[in-house]
Amino acid sequence: MADDWHTLADPDEIPSPALLIYPERIGENIRRMIAALGQAERLRPHVKTHKMAEVVQLQLKAGITKFKCATIAEAEMLAQEGAKDVLLANQPVGPNIARLLGLGGWFPDVRFSTIADDAEAVGNLAQAAQTAGVTLPVWLDLDVGMSRTGIAPGQAAATLYKLIGQLPGVDPAGLHLYDGHLHEGDPAKRLAKWQTMMDQVRPFRTGLEADGLPVPGVVGGGTPTFPFHAQHTDHVCSPGTTLLWDFGYRDAFPDLEYQNAAVLLTRVISKPGSDCITLDLGHKAVAAENPHPRVRFIGLDNAEPVVHSEEHLTLRTAEARRFNVGDCLYGIPRHICPTVALYDRAHVIRGGKLTDQWQVTARARKLTF
């Protein structure tokens, strides 16, 4: 594909900083995701990366019907767009239990489910669902090494899964395992660690089934381990970053071939020295939780970040003289997911032209419910 795929024919149409989205590239990434599995039925893409209704529509048109999300707002957006199977991959507590069940009442044709790793949480879910007159599918969230959420495979986990099967109001949906701790750049080393992880999961699942506890399915992995779960034909896969991509994953996992489909438009707003330029791309315009470089500028190599503040990014570069105040630069963020959440809309680019604007709908913590 041409090196200038990102370039705008008329950048004056778009104020900066801005998030640019390229639907043709998103479509290509969707095709590659499906090709990795051989069928759309085994995909449950995560929407946390893009949070946009129109990206959901692109996936629905490709035959994807199941989705994973992190927030109630994302779940509501999915239901509004016609998704038929929505997994909330955060254990709901407090008011979020009623919010999730409220969605189920408003969208009766959607199969909502969630995860759990705690007996009290399961009890609260069951009681609320029973009061509402519904049965909520619940996945057992396994901690397979990340130590963020979940319960380690073992007797306590088996007891909890049995509880999900016993309590009225909830029903065991299967196992949920997120292996986000597997970040080895060498795919062979990553695969070896993944296989070690699966050596714990397989006998655990077999043990549940031997005890008469049904395990209808497994939702496994994120993006780095997507190719491995893809080879496990009874696993449903839930990558998310694959839809938009970023340079963080491109650098870390060169074996994963997806296209950058989101770009940041920024402009030079000052030249504080002969070797420096300042851009309107501060913390509020690009995710800043990672070390520098937080953004890689297309066509500007070896630029050194000097100052990064709320509204400004100052770069030191030997090429500073070629830039004038007002000039545009295009950047790929290191981490696209939190970057998208900084924008209320994305500018849609087709063939170098602005053709539409898409709301980043689910960046809001609450839509209706």
Protein backbone atom coordinates (compact mmCIF):
# COMPACT_ATOMS: atom_id res chain seq x y z
CA MET A 1 0.00 0.00 0.00
CA ALA A 2 1.23 3.52 -0.74
CA ASP A 3 3.35 5.23 1.90
CA ASP A 4 1.05 8.26 1.83
CA TRP A 5 -2.09 6.30 2.80
CA HIS A 6 -2.52 8.50 5.86
CA THR A 7 -2.19 11.90 4.17
CA LEU A 8 -5.13 14.30 3.97
CA ALA A 9 -5.90 16.02 0.69
CA ASP A 10 -7.21 19.04 2.61
CA PRO A 11 -6.02 19.06 6.22
CA ASP A 12 -7.59 22.49 6.76
CA GLU A 13 -10.95 20.73 7.05
CA ILE A 14 -9.94 19.24 10.40
CA PRO A 15 -8.87 21.11 13.55
CA SER A 16 -6.06 19.54 15.55
CA PRO A 17 -5.44 17.56 17.57
CA ALA A 18 -7.70 15.01 15.91
CA LEU A 19 -8.22 11.29 15.70
CA LEU A 20 -8.34 10.01 12.11
CA ILE A 21 -9.91 6.65 11.28
CA TYR A 22 -9.42 4.70 8.03
CA PRO A 23 -12.36 2.28 7.46
CA GLU A 24 -10.73 0.39 4.59
CA ARG A 25 -7.88 -0.56 6.89
CA ILE A 26 -10.24 -1.55 9.68
CA GLY A 27 -12.03 -3.76 7.16
CA GLU A 28 -8.75 -5.40 6.18
CA ASN A 29 -7.92 -6.05 9.84
CA ILE A 30 -11.33 -7.66 10.33
CA ARG A 31 -10.71 -9.90 7.33
CA ARG A 32 -7.35 -10.95 8.78
CA MET A 33 -8.92 -11.71 12.16
CA ILE A 34 -11.54 -13.93 10.56
CA ALA A 35 -8.95 -15.60 8.31
CA ALA A 36 -6.87 -16.51 11.37
CA LEU A 37 -9.82 -18.55 12.66
CA GLY A 38 -11.39 -19.68 9.42
CA GLN A 39 -14.81 -18.47 10.55
CA ALA A 40 -16.35 -15.42 12.17
CA GLU A 41 -18.27 -17.59 14.65
CA ARG A 42 -15.14 -18.09 16.77
CA LEU A 43 -14.52 -14.37 17.18
CA ARG A 44 -15.67 -12.32 20.16
CA PRO A 45 -13.75 -9.08 19.53
CA HIS A 46 -13.24 -6.65 22.39
CA VAL A 47 -14.70 -3.18 21.76
CA LYS A 48 -12.64 -1.37 24.41
CA THR A 49 -10.14 -0.24 21.79
CA HIS A 50 -12.48 1.66 19.48
CA LYS A 51 -15.75 2.22 21.42
CA MET A 52 -17.50 3.18 18.16
CA ALA A 53 -20.87 2.03 16.86
CA GLU A 54 -19.73 2.22 13.24
CA VAL A 55 -16.80 -0.13 13.89
CA VAL A 56 -19.27 -2.56 15.45
CA GLN A 57 -21.33 -2.30 12.26
CA LEU A 58 -18.29 -3.17 10.13
CA GLN A 59 -17.84 -6.31 12.20
CA LEU A 60 -21.51 -7.26 12.09
CA LYS A 61 -21.46 -6.96 8.30
CA ALA A 62 -18.49 -9.34 8.27
CA GLY A 63 -20.55 -11.95 10.11
CA ILE A 64 -19.33 -11.34 13.67
CA THR A 65 -22.19 -11.56 16.18
CA LYS A 66 -20.46 -12.03 19.55
CA PHE A 67 -18.56 -9.29 21.34
CA LYS A 68 -16.68 -8.60 24.54
CA CYS A 69 -16.68 -5.31 26.43
CA ALA A 70 -15.32 -3.70 29.59
CA THR A 71 -18.08 -1.30 30.61
CA ILE A 72 -21.86 -1.14 30.82
CA ALA A 73 -21.79 1.73 28.30
CA GLU A 74 -19.93 -0.47 25.82
CA ALA A 75 -22.46 -3.25 26.40
CA GLU A 76 -25.33 -0.85 25.73
CA MET A 77 -23.69 0.44 22.56
CA LEU A 78 -23.32 -3.13 21.31
CA ALA A 79 -26.95 -3.94 22.00
CA GLN A 80 -28.10 -0.76 20.28
CA GLU A 81 -26.16 -1.77 17.18
CA GLY A 82 -27.66 -5.24 16.95
CA ALA A 83 -25.06 -7.48 18.60
CA LYS A 84 -26.70 -10.71 19.73
CA ASP A 85 -24.19 -11.93 22.32
CA VAL A 86 -22.41 -9.52 24.69
CA LEU A 87 -19.91 -10.52 27.38
CA LEU A 88 -19.14 -7.92 30.06
CA ALA A 89 -15.58 -8.89 31.02
CA ASN A 90 -15.53 -7.03 34.32
CA GLN A 91 -17.14 -8.58 37.38
CA PRO A 92 -20.11 -6.29 38.11
CA VAL A 93 -20.50 -5.06 41.67
CA GLY A 94 -22.66 -2.46 43.37
CA PRO A 95 -25.01 -0.53 41.06
CA ASN A 96 -23.45 -2.13 37.98
CA ILE A 97 -25.36 -5.34 38.70
CA ALA A 98 -28.70 -3.57 38.29
CA ARG A 99 -27.39 -1.71 35.25
CA LEU A 100 -26.43 -4.94 33.51
CA LEU A 101 -29.75 -6.59 34.31
CA GLY A 102 -31.53 -3.43 33.17
CA LEU A 103 -29.88 -3.81 29.79
CA GLY A 104 -31.15 -7.37 29.63
CA GLY A 105 -34.69 -6.17 30.21
CA TRP A 106 -34.44 -3.44 27.60
CA PHE A 107 -32.80 -5.68 24.97
CA PRO A 108 -34.46 -9.09 25.50
CA ASP A 109 -33.08 -10.52 22.25
CA VAL A 110 -29.46 -9.99 23.35
CA ARG A 111 -27.65 -12.66 25.36
CA PHE A 112 -25.79 -10.71 28.02
CA SER A 113 -23.26 -12.53 30.19
CA THR A 114 -20.52 -11.57 32.61
CA ILE A 115 -17.56 -12.97 34.54
CA ALA A 116 -17.04 -13.74 38.22
CA ASP A 117 -14.20 -14.81 40.50
CA ASP A 118 -15.77 -14.33 43.93
CA ALA A 119 -18.50 -16.25 45.78
CA GLU A 120 -20.10 -13.15 47.28
CA ALA A 121 -20.21 -11.50 43.87
CA VAL A 122 -21.84 -14.62 42.40
CA GLY A 123 -24.40 -14.60 45.19
CA ASN A 124 -25.24 -10.96 44.59
CA LEU A 125 -25.59 -11.57 40.85
CA ALA A 126 -27.80 -14.58 41.45
CA GLN A 127 -30.06 -12.80 43.92
CA ALA A 128 -30.51 -9.76 41.67
CA ALA A 129 -31.15 -11.90 38.59
CA GLN A 130 -33.66 -14.07 40.44
CA THR A 131 -35.48 -10.96 41.66
CA ALA A 132 -35.59 -9.71 38.06
CA GLY A 133 -36.95 -13.06 36.90
CA VAL A 134 -34.03 -13.85 34.60
CA THR A 135 -31.09 -16.24 34.44
CA LEU A 136 -27.72 -14.59 33.79
CA PRO A 137 -24.93 -16.62 32.14
CA VAL A 138 -21.73 -16.27 34.18
CA TRP A 139 -18.23 -17.22 33.05
CA LEU A 140 -15.70 -18.29 35.66
CA ASP A 141 -12.83 -15.80 35.41
CA LEU A 142 -9.58 -17.75 35.74
CA ASP A 143 -6.33 -16.12 36.82
CA VAL A 144 -3.85 -17.76 34.47
CA GLY A 145 -0.85 -15.71 35.55
CA MET A 146 -1.64 -12.03 35.16
CA SER A 147 -2.74 -11.61 38.80
CA ARG A 148 -5.17 -8.83 37.92
CA THR A 149 -8.53 -10.57 38.23
CA GLY A 150 -9.68 -14.15 38.36
CA ILE A 151 -9.23 -17.20 40.52
CA ALA A 152 -6.40 -19.67 39.97
CA PRO A 153 -7.33 -23.08 38.54
CA GLY A 154 -7.77 -25.47 41.45
CA GLN A 155 -10.24 -26.68 44.04
CA ALA A 156 -11.43 -23.22 45.10
CA ALA A 157 -12.13 -22.35 41.47
CA ALA A 158 -14.00 -25.62 40.96
CA THR A 159 -16.10 -24.93 44.06
CA LEU A 160 -16.97 -21.49 42.75
CA TYR A 161 -17.93 -22.87 39.34
CA LYS A 162 -20.14 -25.43 41.06
CA LEU A 163 -21.81 -22.60 42.99
CA ILE A 164 -22.62 -20.81 39.72
CA GLY A 165 -24.37 -23.99 38.61
CA GLN A 166 -26.30 -24.37 41.86
CA LEU A 167 -27.69 -20.91 42.52
CA PRO A 168 -30.96 -19.91 40.85
CA GLY A 169 -30.57 -16.78 38.75
CA VAL A 170 -27.15 -17.63 37.29
CA ASP A 171 -25.95 -20.33 34.93
CA PRO A 172 -22.37 -21.47 34.15
CA ALA A 173 -21.33 -20.22 30.71
CA GLY A 174 -17.81 -21.62 30.70
CA LEU A 175 -14.31 -20.34 31.38
CA HIS A 176 -12.87 -16.89 30.75
CA LEU A 177 -9.11 -16.57 30.70
CA TYR A 178 -7.11 -13.46 29.89
CA ASP A 179 -3.39 -13.99 29.42
CA GLY A 180 -2.29 -10.38 29.05
CA HIS A 181 0.94 -11.11 30.93
CA LEU A 182 2.36 -13.03 27.95
CA HIS A 183 4.29 -10.31 26.13
CA GLU A 184 7.35 -12.12 24.80
CA GLY A 185 8.39 -10.67 21.46
CA ASP A 186 9.71 -14.01 20.24
CA PRO A 187 6.59 -15.94 19.19
CA ALA A 188 8.24 -19.27 20.06
CA LYS A 189 8.90 -18.14 23.64
CA ARG A 190 5.41 -16.65 23.89
CA LEU A 191 3.92 -19.91 22.65
CA ALA A 192 5.95 -21.95 25.15
CA LYS A 193 4.67 -19.86 28.05
CA TRP A 194 1.13 -20.06 26.68
CA GLN A 195 1.38 -23.85 26.49
CA THR A 196 2.57 -23.96 30.11
CA MET A 197 -0.46 -21.88 31.05
CA MET A 198 -2.79 -24.18 29.12
CA ASP A 199 -1.28 -27.18 30.92
CA GLN A 200 -3.11 -25.84 33.99
CA VAL A 201 -6.35 -24.97 32.22
CA ARG A 202 -6.93 -28.23 30.33
CA PRO A 203 -6.97 -30.58 33.34
CA PHE A 204 -9.03 -28.08 35.29
CA ARG A 205 -11.68 -28.08 32.59
CA THR A 206 -11.55 -31.86 32.29
CA GLY A 207 -12.02 -32.15 36.05
CA LEU A 208 -15.09 -29.94 36.00
CA GLU A 209 -16.67 -32.00 33.25
CA ALA A 210 -15.80 -35.25 35.03
CA ASP A 211 -17.69 -33.95 38.05
CA GLY A 212 -20.75 -33.39 35.89
CA LEU A 213 -20.29 -29.63 35.58
CA PRO A 214 -20.86 -28.48 31.99
CA VAL A 215 -18.28 -26.14 30.45
CA PRO A 216 -20.10 -24.84 27.36
CA GLY A 217 -17.20 -22.75 26.13
CA VAL A 218 -13.89 -21.00 26.67
CA VAL A 219 -13.23 -17.35 25.89
CA GLY A 220 -9.49 -16.97 25.66
CA GLY A 221 -6.79 -14.41 25.24
CA GLY A 222 -6.27 -10.95 23.92
CA THR A 223 -4.14 -9.86 20.98
CA PRO A 224 -0.62 -11.25 21.66
CA THR A 225 -1.90 -14.82 22.15
CA PHE A 226 -4.65 -14.64 19.53
CA PRO A 227 -2.76 -16.94 17.09
CA PHE A 228 -2.41 -19.62 19.79
CA HIS A 229 -6.03 -19.61 20.91
CA ALA A 230 -6.96 -19.61 17.22
CA GLN A 231 -5.45 -23.09 16.92
CA HIS A 232 -7.59 -24.33 19.82
CA THR A 233 -10.77 -24.96 17.87
CA ASP A 234 -13.05 -24.97 20.93
CA HIS A 235 -11.82 -21.54 22.06
CA VAL A 236 -13.58 -18.30 21.16
CA CYS A 237 -11.03 -15.51 20.73
CA SER A 238 -11.31 -11.92 21.93
CA PRO A 239 -8.60 -9.67 20.47
CA GLY A 240 -9.27 -5.94 20.46
CA THR A 241 -6.22 -3.91 19.44
CA THR A 242 -6.14 -5.78 16.12
CA LEU A 243 -8.93 -3.54 14.81
CA LEU A 244 -6.97 -0.25 14.95
CA TRP A 245 -3.40 -1.35 15.82
CA ASP A 246 -0.64 0.84 17.25
CA PHE A 247 3.12 1.04 17.15
CA GLY A 248 3.46 -0.47 20.63
CA TYR A 249 2.06 -3.80 19.46
CA ARG A 250 3.66 -3.48 16.02
CA ASP A 251 7.10 -3.24 17.65
CA ALA A 252 6.44 -5.83 20.35
CA PHE A 253 4.84 -8.48 18.14
CA PRO A 254 6.20 -8.33 14.58
CA ASP A 255 4.63 -11.74 13.92
CA LEU A 256 1.16 -10.16 14.12
CA GLU A 257 0.44 -8.51 10.80
CA TYR A 258 -2.28 -5.89 11.17
CA GLN A 259 -2.57 -2.44 9.66
CA ASN A 260 -2.52 0.86 11.49
CA ALA A 261 -6.05 2.17 11.01
CA ALA A 262 -5.95 5.14 13.39
CA VAL A 263 -3.71 8.20 13.12
CA LEU A 264 -3.37 11.39 15.13
CA LEU A 265 -3.35 14.70 13.28
CA THR A 266 -1.32 17.40 15.03
CA ARG A 267 0.15 20.78 14.09
CA VAL A 268 3.22 22.80 14.90
CA ILE A 269 2.07 25.61 17.18
CA SER A 270 5.47 27.02 18.18
CA LYS A 271 9.20 26.82 17.42
CA PRO A 272 10.91 27.48 20.76
CA GLY A 273 14.41 26.94 19.40
CA SER A 274 16.35 26.24 16.24
CA ASP A 275 16.16 22.51 16.87
CA CYS A 276 12.73 22.27 18.50
CA ILE A 277 9.08 22.25 17.48
CA THR A 278 6.05 22.24 19.76
CA LEU A 279 2.90 20.37 18.76
CA ASP A 280 -0.68 20.57 20.03
CA LEU A 281 -0.52 16.94 21.17
CA GLY A 282 -0.47 16.96 24.94
CA HIS A 283 -1.51 14.40 27.54
CA LYS A 284 -5.15 15.16 26.70
CA ALA A 285 -4.66 14.11 23.07
CA VAL A 286 -2.50 10.98 23.27
CA ALA A 287 -2.23 8.33 25.97
CA ALA A 288 0.57 9.30 28.34
CA GLU A 289 0.83 6.30 30.69
CA ASN A 290 3.82 4.86 28.82
CA PRO A 291 7.40 6.13 28.61
CA HIS A 292 8.43 8.18 25.59
CA PRO A 293 8.06 7.93 22.71
CA ARG A 294 4.28 7.93 23.16
CA VAL A 295 3.68 8.67 19.50
CA ARG A 296 5.69 7.92 16.37
CA PHE A 297 5.50 10.55 13.65
CA ILE A 298 5.30 9.36 10.08
CA GLY A 299 8.20 10.79 8.09
CA LEU A 300 9.95 12.29 11.12
CA ASP A 301 12.54 9.89 12.49
CA ASN A 302 14.74 10.44 15.53
CA ALA A 303 12.61 13.19 17.07
CA GLU A 304 13.30 13.37 20.80
CA PRO A 305 10.47 14.34 23.18
CA VAL A 306 11.62 17.17 25.44
CA VAL A 307 8.48 18.30 27.25
CA HIS A 308 5.06 16.67 27.33
CA SER A 309 2.33 18.52 29.20
CA GLU A 310 -1.45 18.79 29.10
CA GLU A 311 -1.71 20.54 25.73
CA HIS A 312 1.83 20.52 24.34
CA LEU A 313 4.48 18.13 23.07
CA THR A 314 7.89 19.66 22.37
CA LEU A 315 10.25 17.67 20.15
CA ARG A 316 13.94 18.15 19.54
CA THR A 317 14.83 17.29 15.97
CA ALA A 318 17.57 18.11 13.49
CA GLU A 319 14.77 18.66 10.97
CA ALA A 320 13.12 21.50 12.90
CA ARG A 321 14.04 24.07 10.25
CA ARG A 322 11.87 22.40 7.61
CA PHE A 323 8.73 23.00 9.67
CA ASN A 324 6.69 26.18 9.85
CA VAL A 325 4.16 27.07 12.49
CA GLY A 326 0.87 25.56 11.30
CA ASP A 327 2.41 22.58 9.51
CA CYS A 328 0.72 19.21 9.99
CA LEU A 329 2.24 16.00 11.27
CA TYR A 330 0.68 12.55 11.43
CA GLY A 331 1.42 10.24 14.33
CA ILE A 332 0.78 6.63 15.35
CA PRO A 333 0.27 6.30 19.12
CA ARG A 334 2.09 3.72 21.19
CA HIS A 335 -1.17 2.72 22.91
CA ILE A 336 -4.30 3.24 20.84
CA CYS A 337 -6.96 2.09 23.34
CA PRO A 338 -6.69 4.93 25.90
CA THR A 339 -5.85 7.37 23.12
CA VAL A 340 -9.20 6.81 21.41
CA ALA A 341 -10.96 7.38 24.74
CA LEU A 342 -9.57 10.94 24.81
CA TYR A 343 -11.67 11.93 21.76
CA ASP A 344 -15.42 12.42 21.50
CA ARG A 345 -15.34 11.79 17.75
CA ALA A 346 -13.14 10.37 15.04
CA HIS A 347 -12.71 11.89 11.59
CA VAL A 348 -13.30 9.25 8.92
CA ILE A 349 -10.85 9.28 6.02
CA ARG A 350 -11.38 7.52 2.70
CA GLY A 351 -8.98 8.07 -0.18
CA GLY A 352 -7.36 10.98 1.63
CA LYS A 353 -10.66 12.81 2.05
CA LEU A 354 -12.78 13.54 5.09
CA THR A 355 -16.05 11.69 4.51
CA ASP A 356 -17.70 11.45 7.92
CA GLN A 357 -17.33 11.78 11.67
CA TRP A 358 -17.95 8.89 14.04
CA GLN A 359 -18.85 9.44 17.67
CA VAL A 360 -16.68 7.59 20.16
CA THR A 361 -19.94 6.56 21.77
CA ALA A 362 -18.80 4.38 24.63
CA ARG A 363 -16.07 6.68 25.94
CA ALA A 364 -18.92 7.85 28.18
CA ARG A 365 -19.24 5.92 31.42
CA LYS A 366 -23.00 5.92 31.07
CA LEU A 367 -25.34 6.06 28.08
CA THR A 368 -28.87 5.24 29.28
CA PHE A 369 -28.39 2.56 31.94
